[in-house]
Amino acid sequence: MKNVLLFFKKIRFILFFMLLQLFVLFLIQRNSSYQQAQILNSSAGISGWMFQKKNAVFQYFNLKSENQKLLEENSKLKQEAFYNYSTVSKNLIEIKKKEYERQFSFQPATVIQNSTSRDKNILTLNVGSLKEINPEMGVVNSKGIVGFVKNVSNNFSTVMSAMNIEFKIPVRPLQDSCVGTLMWLPENKVNEITVKGIPSYFKIKIGDTIVTQGGSGIFPQGEMVGIVKKSSPESGNNNQLLTLKTTVDFFAVHHVFVVNNIHKSELDSVINSINQ
């Protein structure tokens, strides 16, 4: 206590000076409208700056919940997309939701592990069988296809990345009906993928968009795959070899959607009966 009193005794003149300054400011603010406006403007600017910084801090700590909300909203938007519905009757002309039934649903998920340096790259998601995730479900993000589910536990699932030499699905040009096979070759780089099997008489140009054909039942028809960056003859036949730049950046895959084709078991049953 003695030390505190000695400290205030040492700075008593400084404290007295500060009190006088505050009193002078009070008199100026009270008797001068110009100075009053200037002081108010300055205090408003300081308050605004402080509130801005406070809001930035709160926004930073709320990023996780905001991202989750965005995922759920994007999932709902994907489920409302027209290509997720199949027609009930060919005689219907007017398009109404009650005349269609949903074919695909989308489950938001987060990538917790992603490899890009192997021949057989995989991703791990934070959703599993408890969220009704099953093998052979497609995985997409807002840019396009990512891969499809291979193995599932209660709370996690592994995904065969499109950057995997075993990955193969049917695809087609956005503006054409010809079908080729999408695959990742050992000579392909990350974010680069190949399409084989499209006959040479189809005129595919550099810059054309390639999308999913939908025949495998894993992905909806029309999901983005990549942009053609190179076209060359395929050796041994009359087809062309397309090299694409993927629309998905596989170095930065974080938020994804697991695609559930509600009719897939029926489709598989039909395909298997034909093969037998």
C-alpha atoms as a PDB file:
ATOM      1  CA  MET A   1       0.000   0.000   0.000  1.00  0.00           C
ATOM      2  CA  LYS A   2       2.864   2.356   0.838  1.00  0.00           C
ATOM      3  CA  ASN A   3       4.416   1.712  -2.575  1.00  0.00           C
ATOM      4  CA  VAL A   4       1.146   2.522  -4.334  1.00  0.00           C
ATOM      5  CA  LEU A   5       0.885   5.853  -2.524  1.00  0.00           C
ATOM      6  CA  LEU A   6       4.490   6.669  -3.408  1.00  0.00           C
ATOM      7  CA  PHE A   7       3.764   5.870  -7.080  1.00  0.00           C
ATOM      8  CA  PHE A   8       0.767   8.219  -7.218  1.00  0.00           C
ATOM      9  CA  LYS A   9       2.815  10.891  -5.424  1.00  0.00           C
ATOM     10  CA  LYS A  10       5.450  10.693  -8.170  1.00  0.00           C
ATOM     11  CA  ILE A  11       2.939  11.053 -11.035  1.00  0.00           C
ATOM     12  CA  ARG A  12       0.623  13.569  -9.320  1.00  0.00           C
ATOM     13  CA  PHE A  13       1.619  16.372 -11.700  1.00  0.00           C
ATOM     14  CA  ILE A  14       0.992  14.210 -14.764  1.00  0.00           C
ATOM     15  CA  LEU A  15      -2.439  13.220 -13.451  1.00  0.00           C
ATOM     16  CA  PHE A  16      -3.260  16.866 -12.700  1.00  0.00           C
ATOM     17  CA  PHE A  17      -2.208  17.839 -16.245  1.00  0.00           C
ATOM     18  CA  MET A  18      -4.401  15.112 -17.771  1.00  0.00           C
ATOM     19  CA  LEU A  19      -7.417  16.243 -15.740  1.00  0.00           C
ATOM     20  CA  LEU A  20      -6.885  19.816 -16.956  1.00  0.00           C
ATOM     21  CA  GLN A  21      -6.706  18.589 -20.564  1.00  0.00           C
ATOM     22  CA  LEU A  22      -9.983  16.693 -20.186  1.00  0.00           C
ATOM     23  CA  PHE A  23     -11.617  19.783 -18.671  1.00  0.00           C
ATOM     24  CA  VAL A  24     -10.419  21.959 -21.562  1.00  0.00           C
ATOM     25  CA  LEU A  25     -11.766  19.457 -24.126  1.00  0.00           C
ATOM     26  CA  PHE A  26     -15.092  19.440 -22.310  1.00  0.00           C
ATOM     27  CA  LEU A  27     -15.318  23.244 -22.489  1.00  0.00           C
ATOM     28  CA  ILE A  28     -14.383  23.298 -26.193  1.00  0.00           C
ATOM     29  CA  GLN A  29     -16.899  20.603 -27.051  1.00  0.00           C
ATOM     30  CA  ARG A  30     -19.636  22.359 -25.091  1.00  0.00           C
ATOM     31  CA  ASN A  31     -19.105  25.880 -26.480  1.00  0.00           C
ATOM     32  CA  SER A  32     -18.032  25.219 -30.099  1.00  0.00           C
ATOM     33  CA  SER A  33     -20.402  23.449 -32.495  1.00  0.00           C
ATOM     34  CA  TYR A  34     -17.568  22.890 -35.003  1.00  0.00           C
ATOM     35  CA  GLN A  35     -15.309  21.266 -32.415  1.00  0.00           C
ATOM     36  CA  GLN A  36     -18.261  19.272 -31.116  1.00  0.00           C
ATOM     37  CA  ALA A  37     -18.895  17.867 -34.591  1.00  0.00           C
ATOM     38  CA  GLN A  38     -15.218  17.046 -35.059  1.00  0.00           C
ATOM     39  CA  ILE A  39     -15.015  15.204 -31.730  1.00  0.00           C
ATOM     40  CA  LEU A  40     -18.198  13.262 -32.473  1.00  0.00           C
ATOM     41  CA  ASN A  41     -16.935  12.310 -35.937  1.00  0.00           C
ATOM     42  CA  SER A  42     -13.622  11.152 -34.501  1.00  0.00           C
ATOM     43  CA  SER A  43     -15.288   9.088 -31.778  1.00  0.00           C
ATOM     44  CA  ALA A  44     -17.667   7.563 -34.336  1.00  0.00           C
ATOM     45  CA  GLY A  45     -14.726   6.605 -36.535  1.00  0.00           C
ATOM     46  CA  ILE A  46     -12.917   4.993 -33.617  1.00  0.00           C
ATOM     47  CA  SER A  47     -16.078   3.156 -32.533  1.00  0.00           C
ATOM     48  CA  GLY A  48     -16.700   1.954 -36.086  1.00  0.00           C
ATOM     49  CA  TRP A  49     -13.136   0.670 -36.374  1.00  0.00           C
ATOM     50  CA  MET A  50     -13.468  -1.163 -33.057  1.00  0.00           C
ATOM     51  CA  PHE A  51     -16.796  -2.745 -34.057  1.00  0.00           C
ATOM     52  CA  GLN A  52     -15.304  -3.772 -37.417  1.00  0.00           C
ATOM     53  CA  LYS A  53     -12.410  -5.527 -35.697  1.00  0.00           C
ATOM     54  CA  LYS A  54     -14.766  -7.148 -33.203  1.00  0.00           C
ATOM     55  CA  ASN A  55     -16.991  -8.386 -36.033  1.00  0.00           C
ATOM     56  CA  ALA A  56     -13.963  -9.757 -37.900  1.00  0.00           C
ATOM     57  CA  VAL A  57     -12.958 -11.759 -34.826  1.00  0.00           C
ATOM     58  CA  PHE A  58     -16.479 -13.160 -34.388  1.00  0.00           C
ATOM     59  CA  GLN A  59     -16.675 -14.012 -38.108  1.00  0.00           C
ATOM     60  CA  TYR A  60     -13.378 -15.883 -37.888  1.00  0.00           C
ATOM     61  CA  PHE A  61     -14.565 -18.030 -34.995  1.00  0.00           C
ATOM     62  CA  ASN A  62     -17.909 -18.621 -36.750  1.00  0.00           C
ATOM     63  CA  LEU A  63     -16.325 -19.826 -40.008  1.00  0.00           C
ATOM     64  CA  LYS A  64     -16.827 -23.505 -39.180  1.00  0.00           C
ATOM     65  CA  SER A  65     -20.556 -23.155 -38.526  1.00  0.00           C
ATOM     66  CA  GLU A  66     -20.979 -20.866 -41.556  1.00  0.00           C
ATOM     67  CA  ASN A  67     -19.202 -23.388 -43.797  1.00  0.00           C
ATOM     68  CA  GLN A  68     -21.499 -26.133 -42.525  1.00  0.00           C
ATOM     69  CA  LYS A  69     -24.536 -23.988 -43.332  1.00  0.00           C
ATOM     70  CA  LEU A  70     -23.202 -23.365 -46.844  1.00  0.00           C
ATOM     71  CA  LEU A  71     -22.644 -27.104 -47.335  1.00  0.00           C
ATOM     72  CA  GLU A  72     -26.212 -27.878 -46.318  1.00  0.00           C
ATOM     73  CA  GLU A  73     -27.589 -25.132 -48.569  1.00  0.00           C
ATOM     74  CA  ASN A  74     -25.493 -26.339 -51.529  1.00  0.00           C
ATOM     75  CA  SER A  75     -26.688 -29.878 -50.877  1.00  0.00           C
ATOM     76  CA  LYS A  76     -30.310 -28.713 -51.048  1.00  0.00           C
ATOM     77  CA  LEU A  77     -29.620 -26.800 -54.275  1.00  0.00           C
ATOM     78  CA  LYS A  78     -28.025 -29.863 -55.887  1.00  0.00           C
ATOM     79  CA  GLN A  79     -31.021 -31.960 -54.924  1.00  0.00           C
ATOM     80  CA  GLU A  80     -33.321 -29.432 -56.596  1.00  0.00           C
ATOM     81  CA  ALA A  81     -31.347 -29.604 -59.884  1.00  0.00           C
ATOM     82  CA  PHE A  82     -33.539 -30.780 -62.739  1.00  0.00           C
ATOM     83  CA  TYR A  83     -31.259 -33.658 -63.808  1.00  0.00           C
ATOM     84  CA  ASN A  84     -31.798 -35.344 -60.430  1.00  0.00           C
ATOM     85  CA  TYR A  85     -35.351 -36.254 -61.431  1.00  0.00           C
ATOM     86  CA  SER A  86     -36.552 -38.904 -63.865  1.00  0.00           C
ATOM     87  CA  THR A  87     -39.805 -38.637 -65.832  1.00  0.00           C
ATOM     88  CA  VAL A  88     -42.813 -40.610 -64.694  1.00  0.00           C
ATOM     89  CA  SER A  89     -44.669 -40.369 -68.008  1.00  0.00           C
ATOM     90  CA  LYS A  90     -43.561 -39.431 -71.537  1.00  0.00           C
ATOM     91  CA  ASN A  91     -46.967 -37.841 -72.143  1.00  0.00           C
ATOM     92  CA  LEU A  92     -46.384 -35.043 -69.641  1.00  0.00           C
ATOM     93  CA  ILE A  93     -45.622 -31.676 -71.237  1.00  0.00           C
ATOM     94  CA  GLU A  94     -45.891 -29.176 -68.414  1.00  0.00           C
ATOM     95  CA  ILE A  95     -42.986 -29.525 -65.975  1.00  0.00           C
ATOM     96  CA  LYS A  96     -44.041 -29.681 -62.341  1.00  0.00           C
ATOM     97  CA  LYS A  97     -42.207 -31.229 -59.408  1.00  0.00           C
ATOM     98  CA  LYS A  98     -45.131 -33.481 -58.576  1.00  0.00           C
ATOM     99  CA  GLU A  99     -44.770 -35.122 -61.985  1.00  0.00           C
ATOM    100  CA  TYR A 100     -41.165 -36.159 -61.306  1.00  0.00           C
ATOM    101  CA  GLU A 101     -39.478 -38.255 -58.664  1.00  0.00           C
ATOM    102  CA  ARG A 102     -36.038 -37.600 -57.225  1.00  0.00           C
ATOM    103  CA  GLN A 103     -33.307 -39.924 -58.474  1.00  0.00           C
ATOM    104  CA  PHE A 104     -30.252 -38.541 -56.651  1.00  0.00           C
ATOM    105  CA  SER A 105     -29.675 -37.204 -53.138  1.00  0.00           C
ATOM    106  CA  PHE A 106     -26.531 -35.487 -51.808  1.00  0.00           C
ATOM    107  CA  GLN A 107     -24.886 -35.943 -48.388  1.00  0.00           C
ATOM    108  CA  PRO A 108     -22.424 -33.187 -47.344  1.00  0.00           C
ATOM    109  CA  ALA A 109     -19.022 -34.453 -46.161  1.00  0.00           C
ATOM    110  CA  THR A 110     -15.549 -33.162 -45.349  1.00  0.00           C
ATOM    111  CA  VAL A 111     -12.296 -34.585 -46.706  1.00  0.00           C
ATOM    112  CA  ILE A 112      -9.988 -35.393 -43.780  1.00  0.00           C
ATOM    113  CA  GLN A 113      -7.237 -37.008 -45.866  1.00  0.00           C
ATOM    114  CA  ASN A 114      -6.297 -36.737 -49.545  1.00  0.00           C
ATOM    115  CA  SER A 115      -3.378 -38.276 -51.441  1.00  0.00           C
ATOM    116  CA  THR A 116      -2.188 -37.013 -54.838  1.00  0.00           C
ATOM    117  CA  SER A 117       1.321 -38.489 -55.226  1.00  0.00           C
ATOM    118  CA  ARG A 118       0.454 -42.187 -55.762  1.00  0.00           C
ATOM    119  CA  ASP A 119      -0.780 -44.287 -58.680  1.00  0.00           C
ATOM    120  CA  LYS A 120      -3.856 -45.227 -56.625  1.00  0.00           C
ATOM    121  CA  ASN A 121      -4.822 -42.056 -54.785  1.00  0.00           C
ATOM    122  CA  ILE A 122      -7.606 -42.107 -52.202  1.00  0.00           C
ATOM    123  CA  LEU A 123      -9.521 -39.648 -50.041  1.00  0.00           C
ATOM    124  CA  THR A 124     -11.005 -40.199 -46.584  1.00  0.00           C
ATOM    125  CA  LEU A 125     -14.326 -38.631 -45.617  1.00  0.00           C
ATOM    126  CA  ASN A 126     -15.811 -37.949 -42.180  1.00  0.00           C
ATOM    127  CA  VAL A 127     -19.068 -39.802 -42.969  1.00  0.00           C
ATOM    128  CA  GLY A 128     -19.823 -43.533 -42.972  1.00  0.00           C
ATOM    129  CA  SER A 129     -22.592 -46.099 -42.718  1.00  0.00           C
ATOM    130  CA  LEU A 130     -24.266 -44.216 -39.862  1.00  0.00           C
ATOM    131  CA  LYS A 131     -24.937 -41.487 -42.443  1.00  0.00           C
ATOM    132  CA  GLU A 132     -26.169 -44.136 -44.941  1.00  0.00           C
ATOM    133  CA  ILE A 133     -22.982 -44.030 -47.022  1.00  0.00           C
ATOM    134  CA  ASN A 134     -22.364 -47.167 -49.110  1.00  0.00           C
ATOM    135  CA  PRO A 135     -19.691 -48.364 -51.560  1.00  0.00           C
ATOM    136  CA  GLU A 136     -20.032 -47.221 -55.193  1.00  0.00           C
ATOM    137  CA  MET A 137     -21.613 -43.906 -54.286  1.00  0.00           C
ATOM    138  CA  GLY A 138     -20.227 -41.026 -56.338  1.00  0.00           C
ATOM    139  CA  VAL A 139     -18.419 -38.099 -54.710  1.00  0.00           C
ATOM    140  CA  VAL A 140     -18.550 -34.594 -56.199  1.00  0.00           C
ATOM    141  CA  ASN A 141     -17.898 -31.030 -55.142  1.00  0.00           C
ATOM    142  CA  SER A 142     -19.132 -27.691 -56.482  1.00  0.00           C
ATOM    143  CA  LYS A 143     -16.662 -27.922 -59.411  1.00  0.00           C
ATOM    144  CA  GLY A 144     -17.284 -31.489 -60.600  1.00  0.00           C
ATOM    145  CA  ILE A 145     -16.543 -35.174 -59.945  1.00  0.00           C
ATOM    146  CA  VAL A 146     -14.037 -36.225 -57.262  1.00  0.00           C
ATOM    147  CA  GLY A 147     -14.295 -40.039 -57.158  1.00  0.00           C
ATOM    148  CA  PHE A 148     -16.498 -42.770 -55.704  1.00  0.00           C
ATOM    149  CA  VAL A 149     -16.766 -44.557 -52.370  1.00  0.00           C
ATOM    150  CA  LYS A 150     -14.810 -47.810 -51.979  1.00  0.00           C
ATOM    151  CA  ASN A 151     -14.897 -48.776 -48.282  1.00  0.00           C
ATOM    152  CA  VAL A 152     -17.111 -47.706 -45.394  1.00  0.00           C
ATOM    153  CA  SER A 153     -16.963 -47.915 -41.593  1.00  0.00           C
ATOM    154  CA  ASN A 154     -19.483 -46.509 -39.115  1.00  0.00           C
ATOM    155  CA  ASN A 155     -18.123 -42.969 -39.197  1.00  0.00           C
ATOM    156  CA  PHE A 156     -15.671 -42.841 -42.101  1.00  0.00           C
ATOM    157  CA  SER A 157     -15.356 -43.823 -45.751  1.00  0.00           C
ATOM    158  CA  THR A 158     -12.537 -44.069 -48.266  1.00  0.00           C
ATOM    159  CA  VAL A 159     -12.958 -42.777 -51.795  1.00  0.00           C
ATOM    160  CA  MET A 160     -11.204 -43.837 -54.991  1.00  0.00           C
ATOM    161  CA  SER A 161     -10.025 -40.520 -56.370  1.00  0.00           C
ATOM    162  CA  ALA A 162     -10.383 -39.722 -60.062  1.00  0.00           C
ATOM    163  CA  MET A 163      -6.573 -39.445 -59.793  1.00  0.00           C
ATOM    164  CA  ASN A 164      -6.385 -43.252 -59.529  1.00  0.00           C
ATOM    165  CA  ILE A 165      -5.287 -45.640 -62.309  1.00  0.00           C
ATOM    166  CA  GLU A 166      -8.252 -47.938 -61.499  1.00  0.00           C
ATOM    167  CA  PHE A 167     -10.832 -45.143 -61.922  1.00  0.00           C
ATOM    168  CA  LYS A 168     -13.020 -45.531 -65.034  1.00  0.00           C
ATOM    169  CA  ILE A 169     -16.452 -44.068 -65.873  1.00  0.00           C
ATOM    170  CA  PRO A 170     -18.339 -43.220 -69.106  1.00  0.00           C
ATOM    171  CA  VAL A 171     -18.241 -39.564 -70.157  1.00  0.00           C
ATOM    172  CA  ARG A 172     -19.303 -37.462 -73.154  1.00  0.00           C
ATOM    173  CA  PRO A 173     -18.793 -33.974 -74.599  1.00  0.00           C
ATOM    174  CA  LEU A 174     -21.301 -31.466 -73.263  1.00  0.00           C
ATOM    175  CA  GLN A 175     -22.501 -30.584 -76.761  1.00  0.00           C
ATOM    176  CA  ASP A 176     -22.483 -34.098 -78.278  1.00  0.00           C
ATOM    177  CA  SER A 177     -23.846 -37.608 -77.698  1.00  0.00           C
ATOM    178  CA  CYS A 178     -20.677 -39.688 -78.288  1.00  0.00           C
ATOM    179  CA  VAL A 179     -19.412 -41.648 -75.269  1.00  0.00           C
ATOM    180  CA  GLY A 180     -15.838 -42.319 -74.174  1.00  0.00           C
ATOM    181  CA  THR A 181     -14.122 -43.784 -71.111  1.00  0.00           C
ATOM    182  CA  LEU A 182     -12.559 -41.491 -68.528  1.00  0.00           C
ATOM    183  CA  MET A 183      -9.361 -42.809 -66.920  1.00  0.00           C
ATOM    184  CA  TRP A 184      -6.244 -41.595 -65.163  1.00  0.00           C
ATOM    185  CA  LEU A 185      -3.107 -42.875 -66.876  1.00  0.00           C
ATOM    186  CA  PRO A 186       0.315 -43.239 -65.199  1.00  0.00           C
ATOM    187  CA  GLU A 187       1.654 -40.477 -67.461  1.00  0.00           C
ATOM    188  CA  ASN A 188      -1.111 -38.064 -66.432  1.00  0.00           C
ATOM    189  CA  LYS A 189      -0.288 -35.351 -63.904  1.00  0.00           C
ATOM    190  CA  VAL A 190      -2.493 -34.349 -60.988  1.00  0.00           C
ATOM    191  CA  ASN A 191      -5.481 -32.303 -62.260  1.00  0.00           C
ATOM    192  CA  GLU A 192      -5.067 -33.946 -65.668  1.00  0.00           C
ATOM    193  CA  ILE A 193      -7.089 -36.911 -66.947  1.00  0.00           C
ATOM    194  CA  THR A 194      -7.638 -38.838 -70.190  1.00  0.00           C
ATOM    195  CA  VAL A 195     -10.655 -39.864 -72.293  1.00  0.00           C
ATOM    196  CA  LYS A 196     -10.388 -42.829 -74.671  1.00  0.00           C
ATOM    197  CA  GLY A 197     -12.805 -44.419 -77.121  1.00  0.00           C
ATOM    198  CA  ILE A 198     -14.423 -41.451 -78.897  1.00  0.00           C
ATOM    199  CA  PRO A 199     -14.334 -42.032 -82.690  1.00  0.00           C
ATOM    200  CA  SER A 200     -12.213 -39.578 -84.691  1.00  0.00           C
ATOM    201  CA  TYR A 201     -15.136 -38.425 -86.852  1.00  0.00           C
ATOM    202  CA  PHE A 202     -16.586 -36.610 -83.828  1.00  0.00           C
ATOM    203  CA  LYS A 203     -15.059 -33.125 -83.910  1.00  0.00           C
ATOM    204  CA  ILE A 204     -13.846 -32.461 -80.374  1.00  0.00           C
ATOM    205  CA  LYS A 205     -12.076 -29.107 -80.040  1.00  0.00           C
ATOM    206  CA  ILE A 206      -9.612 -27.680 -77.524  1.00  0.00           C
ATOM    207  CA  GLY A 207     -11.652 -25.941 -74.811  1.00  0.00           C
ATOM    208  CA  ASP A 208     -14.691 -28.245 -75.115  1.00  0.00           C
ATOM    209  CA  THR A 209     -16.321 -29.389 -71.870  1.00  0.00           C
ATOM    210  CA  ILE A 210     -16.545 -33.071 -70.934  1.00  0.00           C
ATOM    211  CA  VAL A 211     -19.293 -34.231 -68.531  1.00  0.00           C
ATOM    212  CA  THR A 212     -20.495 -37.505 -67.020  1.00  0.00           C
ATOM    213  CA  GLN A 213     -22.645 -39.711 -69.239  1.00  0.00           C
ATOM    214  CA  GLY A 214     -24.535 -41.125 -66.268  1.00  0.00           C
ATOM    215  CA  GLY A 215     -24.728 -44.703 -67.540  1.00  0.00           C
ATOM    216  CA  SER A 216     -22.789 -46.186 -64.627  1.00  0.00           C
ATOM    217  CA  GLY A 217     -25.402 -44.965 -62.147  1.00  0.00           C
ATOM    218  CA  ILE A 218     -22.669 -43.574 -59.884  1.00  0.00           C
ATOM    219  CA  PHE A 219     -22.930 -39.938 -60.998  1.00  0.00           C
ATOM    220  CA  PRO A 220     -25.849 -37.912 -62.327  1.00  0.00           C
ATOM    221  CA  GLN A 221     -25.752 -37.169 -66.017  1.00  0.00           C
ATOM    222  CA  GLY A 222     -24.027 -33.889 -66.826  1.00  0.00           C
ATOM    223  CA  GLU A 223     -21.663 -33.518 -63.842  1.00  0.00           C
ATOM    224  CA  MET A 224     -18.562 -31.540 -64.828  1.00  0.00           C
ATOM    225  CA  VAL A 225     -15.370 -33.546 -65.514  1.00  0.00           C
ATOM    226  CA  GLY A 226     -12.871 -31.342 -67.322  1.00  0.00           C
ATOM    227  CA  ILE A 227     -11.889 -29.123 -70.234  1.00  0.00           C
ATOM    228  CA  VAL A 228     -10.132 -30.537 -73.321  1.00  0.00           C
ATOM    229  CA  LYS A 229      -6.533 -29.269 -73.486  1.00  0.00           C
ATOM    230  CA  LYS A 230      -5.129 -31.721 -76.067  1.00  0.00           C
ATOM    231  CA  SER A 231      -6.457 -34.106 -78.721  1.00  0.00           C
ATOM    232  CA  SER A 232      -4.428 -36.775 -80.568  1.00  0.00           C
ATOM    233  CA  PRO A 233      -5.077 -40.033 -82.488  1.00  0.00           C
ATOM    234  CA  GLU A 234      -5.346 -43.143 -80.299  1.00  0.00           C
ATOM    235  CA  SER A 235      -2.808 -45.740 -81.444  1.00  0.00           C
ATOM    236  CA  GLY A 236      -4.153 -49.007 -82.872  1.00  0.00           C
ATOM    237  CA  ASN A 237      -7.647 -47.773 -83.785  1.00  0.00           C
ATOM    238  CA  ASN A 238      -9.615 -44.930 -85.312  1.00  0.00           C
ATOM    239  CA  ASN A 239     -10.430 -43.224 -82.022  1.00  0.00           C
ATOM    240  CA  GLN A 240      -9.087 -40.037 -80.503  1.00  0.00           C
ATOM    241  CA  LEU A 241      -7.237 -39.568 -77.232  1.00  0.00           C
ATOM    242  CA  LEU A 242      -8.348 -36.523 -75.228  1.00  0.00           C
ATOM    243  CA  THR A 243      -6.331 -34.988 -72.422  1.00  0.00           C
ATOM    244  CA  LEU A 244      -8.410 -32.890 -70.005  1.00  0.00           C
ATOM    245  CA  LYS A 245      -7.700 -30.368 -67.320  1.00  0.00           C
ATOM    246  CA  THR A 246     -10.017 -31.382 -64.469  1.00  0.00           C
ATOM    247  CA  THR A 247     -12.524 -28.814 -63.234  1.00  0.00           C
ATOM    248  CA  VAL A 248     -11.771 -30.001 -59.680  1.00  0.00           C
ATOM    249  CA  ASP A 249      -8.462 -28.943 -58.128  1.00  0.00           C
ATOM    250  CA  PHE A 250      -7.359 -32.180 -56.444  1.00  0.00           C
ATOM    251  CA  PHE A 251      -4.699 -30.351 -54.442  1.00  0.00           C
ATOM    252  CA  ALA A 252      -7.476 -28.438 -52.647  1.00  0.00           C
ATOM    253  CA  VAL A 253     -10.459 -30.784 -52.166  1.00  0.00           C
ATOM    254  CA  HIS A 254     -12.117 -30.101 -48.816  1.00  0.00           C
ATOM    255  CA  HIS A 255     -15.932 -29.952 -48.887  1.00  0.00           C
ATOM    256  CA  VAL A 256     -17.693 -32.605 -50.988  1.00  0.00           C
ATOM    257  CA  PHE A 257     -21.066 -34.303 -51.521  1.00  0.00           C
ATOM    258  CA  VAL A 258     -21.654 -38.058 -51.531  1.00  0.00           C
ATOM    259  CA  VAL A 259     -24.143 -38.931 -54.285  1.00  0.00           C
ATOM    260  CA  ASN A 260     -26.835 -41.513 -53.615  1.00  0.00           C
ATOM    261  CA  ASN A 261     -28.568 -42.866 -56.727  1.00  0.00           C
ATOM    262  CA  ILE A 262     -31.895 -44.014 -55.321  1.00  0.00           C
ATOM    263  CA  HIS A 263     -32.460 -46.264 -58.359  1.00  0.00           C
ATOM    264  CA  LYS A 264     -28.952 -47.788 -58.501  1.00  0.00           C
ATOM    265  CA  SER A 265     -29.842 -51.231 -57.130  1.00  0.00           C
ATOM    266  CA  GLU A 266     -32.592 -51.505 -59.759  1.00  0.00           C
ATOM    267  CA  LEU A 267     -30.162 -50.377 -62.488  1.00  0.00           C
ATOM    268  CA  ASP A 268     -27.494 -52.863 -61.346  1.00  0.00           C
ATOM    269  CA  SER A 269     -30.067 -55.657 -61.330  1.00  0.00           C
ATOM    270  CA  VAL A 270     -31.049 -54.927 -64.933  1.00  0.00           C
ATOM    271  CA  ILE A 271     -27.407 -54.671 -66.094  1.00  0.00           C
ATOM    272  CA  ASN A 272     -26.448 -57.921 -64.324  1.00  0.00           C
ATOM    273  CA  SER A 273     -29.400 -59.800 -65.885  1.00  0.00           C
ATOM    274  CA  ILE A 274     -28.257 -58.669 -69.358  1.00  0.00           C
ATOM    275  CA  ASN A 275     -24.651 -59.726 -68.705  1.00  0.00           C
ATOM    276  CA  GLN A 276     -25.763 -63.159 -67.539  1.00  0.00           C
END
